[in-house]
Amino acid sequence: MVRLWLVIVVAAVAFTVFALIDCATMPRNRVRSLRKGVWVLLVVVLPVLGGVLWFLLGRTPVAGARGDGGGGAGYRGPEDDPDFLGGATAGRKSDDKDQDDATLRSLEDQFHDGDDDSRPDR
């Protein structure tokens, strides 16, 4: 029974600390209902209840965070950026590849022609 109470107390403290840090670092334009200082005080004075109230009433949700396809100017990961994935080279034509192969073959021929045994021995 003591272990259960210990786990509950640790979870309550961790939740309160998380809510306090979230509240303190939140930009002012995303805080609603009360001023930021009042929210911090509320989270400290009413540990678990203040944190719950902060997450339910104090924060404004980020636009497009619910997966509604807002398509805002938020952060895009590198897998969403065609330039990062090589989108500029991904659409190359097969003619470019054929030309590259021909250039490589001619360079190899020039290299092998320079290895002739026609050099006089020293």
N, C-alpha and C. Protein backbone atom coordinates (compact mmCIF):
# COMPACT_ATOMS: atom_id res chain seq x y z
N MET A 1 0.82 -1.20 0.00
CA MET A 1 0.00 0.00 0.00
C MET A 1 0.86 1.26 0.00
N VAL A 2 2.00 1.18 0.69
CA VAL A 2 2.91 2.32 0.75
C VAL A 2 3.51 2.59 -0.63
N ARG A 3 3.79 1.54 -1.35
CA ARG A 3 4.35 1.70 -2.70
C ARG A 3 3.35 2.40 -3.63
N LEU A 4 2.10 2.07 -3.51
CA LEU A 4 1.08 2.70 -4.33
C LEU A 4 1.01 4.19 -4.05
N TRP A 5 1.02 4.56 -2.77
CA TRP A 5 1.00 5.98 -2.41
C TRP A 5 2.26 6.69 -2.89
N LEU A 6 3.37 6.02 -2.83
CA LEU A 6 4.63 6.60 -3.30
C LEU A 6 4.58 6.85 -4.81
N VAL A 7 4.04 5.92 -5.56
CA VAL A 7 3.90 6.08 -7.01
C VAL A 7 2.95 7.23 -7.33
N ILE A 8 1.85 7.32 -6.59
CA ILE A 8 0.89 8.40 -6.83
C ILE A 8 1.51 9.75 -6.53
N VAL A 9 2.26 9.86 -5.45
CA VAL A 9 2.90 11.14 -5.09
C VAL A 9 3.95 11.52 -6.14
N VAL A 10 4.75 10.56 -6.58
CA VAL A 10 5.77 10.85 -7.59
C VAL A 10 5.11 11.28 -8.90
N ALA A 11 4.02 10.62 -9.30
CA ALA A 11 3.32 10.99 -10.53
C ALA A 11 2.71 12.39 -10.40
N ALA A 12 2.16 12.72 -9.23
CA ALA A 12 1.57 14.05 -9.03
C ALA A 12 2.63 15.13 -9.09
N VAL A 13 3.78 14.88 -8.48
CA VAL A 13 4.87 15.86 -8.51
C VAL A 13 5.39 16.02 -9.93
N ALA A 14 5.56 14.94 -10.66
CA ALA A 14 6.06 15.01 -12.04
C ALA A 14 5.07 15.77 -12.92
N PHE A 15 3.78 15.52 -12.75
CA PHE A 15 2.77 16.22 -13.53
C PHE A 15 2.76 17.71 -13.20
N THR A 16 2.89 18.03 -11.93
CA THR A 16 2.90 19.44 -11.51
C THR A 16 4.11 20.17 -12.06
N VAL A 17 5.28 19.53 -12.01
CA VAL A 17 6.49 20.15 -12.55
C VAL A 17 6.36 20.35 -14.06
N PHE A 18 5.82 19.35 -14.75
CA PHE A 18 5.63 19.47 -16.19
C PHE A 18 4.67 20.61 -16.52
N ALA A 19 3.56 20.69 -15.80
CA ALA A 19 2.59 21.77 -16.04
C ALA A 19 3.20 23.13 -15.73
N LEU A 20 4.00 23.22 -14.67
CA LEU A 20 4.63 24.48 -14.31
C LEU A 20 5.61 24.94 -15.38
N ILE A 21 6.42 24.03 -15.87
CA ILE A 21 7.39 24.38 -16.92
C ILE A 21 6.66 24.75 -18.21
N ASP A 22 5.62 24.01 -18.54
CA ASP A 22 4.85 24.32 -19.75
C ASP A 22 4.19 25.69 -19.64
N CYS A 23 3.64 25.98 -18.49
CA CYS A 23 2.99 27.27 -18.28
C CYS A 23 3.99 28.41 -18.31
N ALA A 24 5.14 28.22 -17.69
CA ALA A 24 6.14 29.29 -17.61
C ALA A 24 6.79 29.58 -18.96
N THR A 25 6.91 28.58 -19.82
CA THR A 25 7.58 28.78 -21.10
C THR A 25 6.63 29.05 -22.26
N MET A 26 5.34 29.04 -22.00
CA MET A 26 4.36 29.27 -23.06
C MET A 26 4.39 30.74 -23.49
N PRO A 27 4.39 31.03 -24.79
CA PRO A 27 4.33 32.42 -25.25
C PRO A 27 3.02 33.08 -24.80
N ARG A 28 3.10 34.37 -24.55
CA ARG A 28 1.93 35.09 -24.03
C ARG A 28 0.73 35.03 -24.97
N ASN A 29 0.97 34.96 -26.26
CA ASN A 29 -0.16 34.95 -27.19
C ASN A 29 -0.92 33.62 -27.20
N ARG A 30 -0.40 32.60 -26.53
CA ARG A 30 -1.09 31.31 -26.44
C ARG A 30 -1.71 31.05 -25.08
N VAL A 31 -1.65 32.04 -24.18
CA VAL A 31 -2.25 31.90 -22.85
C VAL A 31 -3.62 32.56 -22.89
N ARG A 32 -4.64 31.85 -22.38
CA ARG A 32 -5.99 32.42 -22.39
C ARG A 32 -6.59 32.37 -20.99
N SER A 33 -7.69 33.03 -20.82
CA SER A 33 -8.49 33.09 -19.60
C SER A 33 -7.87 33.97 -18.52
N LEU A 34 -6.65 33.73 -18.13
CA LEU A 34 -5.97 34.50 -17.09
C LEU A 34 -4.59 34.92 -17.59
N ARG A 35 -3.95 35.81 -16.83
CA ARG A 35 -2.58 36.17 -17.19
C ARG A 35 -1.63 35.03 -16.85
N LYS A 36 -0.48 35.04 -17.47
CA LYS A 36 0.48 33.96 -17.32
C LYS A 36 0.94 33.80 -15.87
N GLY A 37 1.21 34.91 -15.19
CA GLY A 37 1.64 34.84 -13.79
C GLY A 37 0.60 34.22 -12.87
N VAL A 38 -0.67 34.50 -13.15
CA VAL A 38 -1.75 33.91 -12.36
C VAL A 38 -1.81 32.41 -12.59
N TRP A 39 -1.60 31.98 -13.83
CA TRP A 39 -1.60 30.54 -14.11
C TRP A 39 -0.46 29.85 -13.39
N VAL A 40 0.73 30.45 -13.40
CA VAL A 40 1.87 29.85 -12.71
C VAL A 40 1.56 29.72 -11.22
N LEU A 41 1.02 30.77 -10.64
CA LEU A 41 0.66 30.74 -9.22
C LEU A 41 -0.39 29.66 -8.94
N LEU A 42 -1.37 29.53 -9.83
CA LEU A 42 -2.41 28.53 -9.66
C LEU A 42 -1.84 27.12 -9.72
N VAL A 43 -0.90 26.88 -10.63
CA VAL A 43 -0.30 25.55 -10.75
C VAL A 43 0.52 25.22 -9.50
N VAL A 44 1.17 26.23 -8.92
CA VAL A 44 1.98 26.00 -7.72
C VAL A 44 1.10 25.79 -6.49
N VAL A 45 0.06 26.62 -6.34
CA VAL A 45 -0.78 26.56 -5.14
C VAL A 45 -1.69 25.32 -5.15
N LEU A 46 -2.25 25.00 -6.30
CA LEU A 46 -3.11 23.82 -6.43
C LEU A 46 -2.42 22.81 -7.34
N PRO A 47 -1.51 22.02 -6.80
CA PRO A 47 -0.61 21.23 -7.65
C PRO A 47 -1.29 20.44 -8.78
N VAL A 48 -2.06 19.46 -8.51
CA VAL A 48 -2.62 18.63 -9.58
C VAL A 48 -3.79 19.34 -10.24
N LEU A 49 -4.67 19.91 -9.46
CA LEU A 49 -5.84 20.60 -10.00
C LEU A 49 -5.43 21.80 -10.86
N GLY A 50 -4.42 22.54 -10.42
CA GLY A 50 -3.93 23.68 -11.20
C GLY A 50 -3.36 23.24 -12.54
N GLY A 51 -2.64 22.13 -12.55
CA GLY A 51 -2.10 21.60 -13.81
C GLY A 51 -3.19 21.15 -14.76
N VAL A 52 -4.21 20.49 -14.22
CA VAL A 52 -5.33 20.05 -15.05
C VAL A 52 -6.06 21.26 -15.63
N LEU A 53 -6.30 22.26 -14.79
CA LEU A 53 -6.97 23.48 -15.27
C LEU A 53 -6.13 24.18 -16.33
N TRP A 54 -4.81 24.21 -16.12
CA TRP A 54 -3.92 24.84 -17.11
C TRP A 54 -4.05 24.17 -18.47
N PHE A 55 -4.00 22.84 -18.48
CA PHE A 55 -4.06 22.13 -19.77
C PHE A 55 -5.44 22.20 -20.41
N LEU A 56 -6.49 22.30 -19.60
CA LEU A 56 -7.84 22.36 -20.18
C LEU A 56 -8.27 23.78 -20.55
N LEU A 57 -7.93 24.75 -19.71
CA LEU A 57 -8.46 26.10 -19.91
C LEU A 57 -7.41 27.17 -20.22
N GLY A 58 -6.18 26.94 -19.89
CA GLY A 58 -5.18 27.99 -20.00
C GLY A 58 -4.44 28.07 -21.32
N ARG A 59 -4.35 26.99 -22.02
CA ARG A 59 -3.60 26.97 -23.29
C ARG A 59 -4.53 27.09 -24.46
N THR A 60 -4.07 27.78 -25.50
CA THR A 60 -4.80 27.75 -26.76
C THR A 60 -4.14 26.70 -27.64
N PRO A 61 -4.93 25.92 -28.33
CA PRO A 61 -4.32 24.88 -29.17
C PRO A 61 -3.59 25.50 -30.36
N VAL A 62 -2.58 24.80 -30.82
CA VAL A 62 -1.84 25.23 -32.00
C VAL A 62 -2.70 24.98 -33.22
N ALA A 63 -2.72 25.92 -34.15
CA ALA A 63 -3.52 25.76 -35.37
C ALA A 63 -3.00 24.58 -36.17
N GLY A 64 -3.88 23.68 -36.56
CA GLY A 64 -3.50 22.52 -37.36
C GLY A 64 -2.90 21.39 -36.55
N ALA A 65 -2.88 21.48 -35.23
CA ALA A 65 -2.27 20.44 -34.41
C ALA A 65 -3.17 19.21 -34.28
N ARG A 66 -4.43 19.33 -34.59
CA ARG A 66 -5.35 18.22 -34.42
C ARG A 66 -5.41 17.32 -35.64
N GLY A 67 -4.55 17.56 -36.60
CA GLY A 67 -4.56 16.74 -37.81
C GLY A 67 -5.68 17.12 -38.75
N ASP A 68 -6.16 18.36 -38.67
CA ASP A 68 -7.25 18.78 -39.54
C ASP A 68 -6.75 19.24 -40.91
N GLY A 69 -5.47 19.04 -41.17
CA GLY A 69 -4.94 19.41 -42.47
C GLY A 69 -4.86 20.89 -42.66
N GLY A 70 -4.55 21.63 -41.61
CA GLY A 70 -4.50 23.07 -41.69
C GLY A 70 -3.49 23.56 -42.71
N GLY A 71 -2.41 22.83 -42.88
CA GLY A 71 -1.42 23.19 -43.89
C GLY A 71 -0.79 24.53 -43.63
N GLY A 72 -0.62 24.88 -42.37
CA GLY A 72 -0.04 26.16 -42.02
C GLY A 72 1.44 26.21 -42.35
N ALA A 73 2.05 27.31 -41.97
CA ALA A 73 3.47 27.50 -42.25
C ALA A 73 4.32 26.95 -41.12
N GLY A 74 3.87 25.89 -40.48
CA GLY A 74 4.61 25.29 -39.37
C GLY A 74 5.83 24.53 -39.87
N TYR A 75 6.49 23.87 -38.95
CA TYR A 75 7.70 23.12 -39.29
C TYR A 75 7.35 21.92 -40.16
N ARG A 76 8.14 21.73 -41.20
CA ARG A 76 8.01 20.54 -42.03
C ARG A 76 9.26 19.72 -41.87
N GLY A 77 9.11 18.45 -41.72
CA GLY A 77 10.26 17.58 -41.60
C GLY A 77 10.97 17.41 -42.93
N PRO A 78 12.19 16.90 -42.90
CA PRO A 78 12.94 16.76 -44.15
C PRO A 78 12.29 15.78 -45.13
N GLU A 79 11.53 14.82 -44.62
CA GLU A 79 10.89 13.88 -45.55
C GLU A 79 9.76 14.54 -46.34
N ASP A 80 9.30 15.74 -45.88
CA ASP A 80 8.26 16.47 -46.61
C ASP A 80 8.83 17.47 -47.59
N ASP A 81 10.13 17.64 -47.62
CA ASP A 81 10.77 18.64 -48.46
C ASP A 81 11.37 17.96 -49.69
N PRO A 82 10.81 18.20 -50.89
CA PRO A 82 11.32 17.52 -52.08
C PRO A 82 12.76 17.91 -52.42
N ASP A 83 13.17 19.13 -52.08
CA ASP A 83 14.56 19.53 -52.35
C ASP A 83 15.52 18.74 -51.49
N PHE A 84 15.14 18.45 -50.24
CA PHE A 84 16.01 17.68 -49.35
C PHE A 84 16.18 16.26 -49.85
N LEU A 85 15.12 15.68 -50.39
CA LEU A 85 15.17 14.30 -50.85
C LEU A 85 15.80 14.15 -52.23
N GLY A 86 16.25 15.24 -52.81
CA GLY A 86 16.85 15.16 -54.14
C GLY A 86 15.80 15.24 -55.21
N GLY A 87 14.75 15.99 -54.99
CA GLY A 87 13.68 16.12 -55.97
C GLY A 87 14.17 16.73 -57.26
N ALA A 88 15.23 17.55 -57.19
CA ALA A 88 15.73 18.19 -58.40
C ALA A 88 16.41 17.15 -59.32
N THR A 89 17.04 16.13 -58.73
CA THR A 89 17.71 15.13 -59.54
C THR A 89 16.85 13.90 -59.76
N ALA A 90 15.73 13.80 -59.02
CA ALA A 90 14.89 12.61 -59.14
C ALA A 90 14.18 12.57 -60.49
N GLY A 91 13.91 13.71 -61.08
CA GLY A 91 13.18 13.75 -62.33
C GLY A 91 14.06 13.76 -63.56
N ARG A 92 15.29 13.27 -63.45
CA ARG A 92 16.19 13.26 -64.61
C ARG A 92 15.67 12.32 -65.67
N LYS A 93 15.91 12.67 -66.91
CA LYS A 93 15.46 11.85 -68.02
C LYS A 93 16.46 10.72 -68.26
N SER A 94 16.02 9.72 -68.96
CA SER A 94 16.92 8.62 -69.28
C SER A 94 17.98 9.06 -70.28
N ASP A 95 17.71 10.14 -71.06
CA ASP A 95 18.71 10.65 -71.99
C ASP A 95 19.94 11.14 -71.23
N ASP A 96 19.72 11.76 -70.08
CA ASP A 96 20.84 12.23 -69.27
C ASP A 96 21.68 11.06 -68.79
N LYS A 97 21.03 9.98 -68.41
CA LYS A 97 21.76 8.80 -67.95
C LYS A 97 22.56 8.19 -69.09
N ASP A 98 21.96 8.12 -70.27
CA ASP A 98 22.68 7.59 -71.43
C ASP A 98 23.89 8.45 -71.77
N GLN A 99 23.72 9.75 -71.68
CA GLN A 99 24.83 10.65 -71.97
C GLN A 99 25.95 10.49 -70.94
N ASP A 100 25.56 10.33 -69.67
CA ASP A 100 26.56 10.11 -68.63
C ASP A 100 27.31 8.81 -68.86
N ASP A 101 26.60 7.76 -69.27
CA ASP A 101 27.25 6.48 -69.54
C ASP A 101 28.22 6.60 -70.72
N ALA A 102 27.84 7.33 -71.75
CA ALA A 102 28.71 7.50 -72.91
C ALA A 102 29.97 8.29 -72.53
N THR A 103 29.80 9.31 -71.71
CA THR A 103 30.96 10.09 -71.27
C THR A 103 31.89 9.23 -70.45
N LEU A 104 31.34 8.41 -69.57
CA LEU A 104 32.15 7.53 -68.74
C LEU A 104 32.90 6.52 -69.60
N ARG A 105 32.25 5.96 -70.62
CA ARG A 105 32.92 5.00 -71.50
C ARG A 105 34.08 5.66 -72.26
N SER A 106 33.85 6.89 -72.74
CA SER A 106 34.93 7.56 -73.49
C SER A 106 36.10 7.89 -72.56
N LEU A 107 35.83 8.26 -71.34
CA LEU A 107 36.93 8.53 -70.39
C LEU A 107 37.69 7.26 -70.07
N GLU A 108 36.98 6.13 -69.93
CA GLU A 108 37.65 4.86 -69.67
C GLU A 108 38.53 4.47 -70.86
N ASP A 109 38.04 4.69 -72.09
CA ASP A 109 38.83 4.38 -73.28
C ASP A 109 40.10 5.22 -73.33
N GLN A 110 39.97 6.51 -73.01
CA GLN A 110 41.15 7.38 -73.00
C GLN A 110 42.14 6.92 -71.94
N PHE A 111 41.65 6.47 -70.83
CA PHE A 111 42.53 6.01 -69.76
C PHE A 111 43.26 4.74 -70.18
N HIS A 112 42.53 3.82 -70.81
CA HIS A 112 43.15 2.58 -71.25
C HIS A 112 44.11 2.81 -72.42
N ASP A 113 43.83 3.77 -73.29
CA ASP A 113 44.73 4.08 -74.39
C ASP A 113 46.05 4.63 -73.87
N GLY A 114 46.04 5.29 -72.77
CA GLY A 114 47.28 5.83 -72.18
C GLY A 114 48.13 4.75 -71.55
N ASP A 115 47.59 3.56 -71.36
CA ASP A 115 48.33 2.45 -70.76
C ASP A 115 48.98 1.55 -71.80
N ASP A 116 49.12 2.02 -73.04
CA ASP A 116 49.71 1.18 -74.09
C ASP A 116 51.13 0.78 -73.71
N ASP A 117 51.55 -0.36 -74.26
CA ASP A 117 52.91 -0.84 -74.03
C ASP A 117 53.89 -0.23 -75.02
N SER A 118 53.49 0.83 -75.72
CA SER A 118 54.34 1.44 -76.72
C SER A 118 55.40 2.34 -76.09
N ARG A 119 55.38 2.49 -74.79
CA ARG A 119 56.43 3.30 -74.13
C ARG A 119 57.74 2.57 -74.20
N PRO A 120 58.81 3.27 -74.48
CA PRO A 120 60.11 2.60 -74.48
C PRO A 120 60.52 2.25 -73.04
N ASP A 121 61.18 1.11 -72.92
CA ASP A 121 61.66 0.70 -71.60
C ASP A 121 62.84 1.52 -71.19
N ARG A 122 62.99 1.74 -69.95
CA ARG A 122 64.11 2.53 -69.45
C ARG A 122 65.27 1.69 -69.11
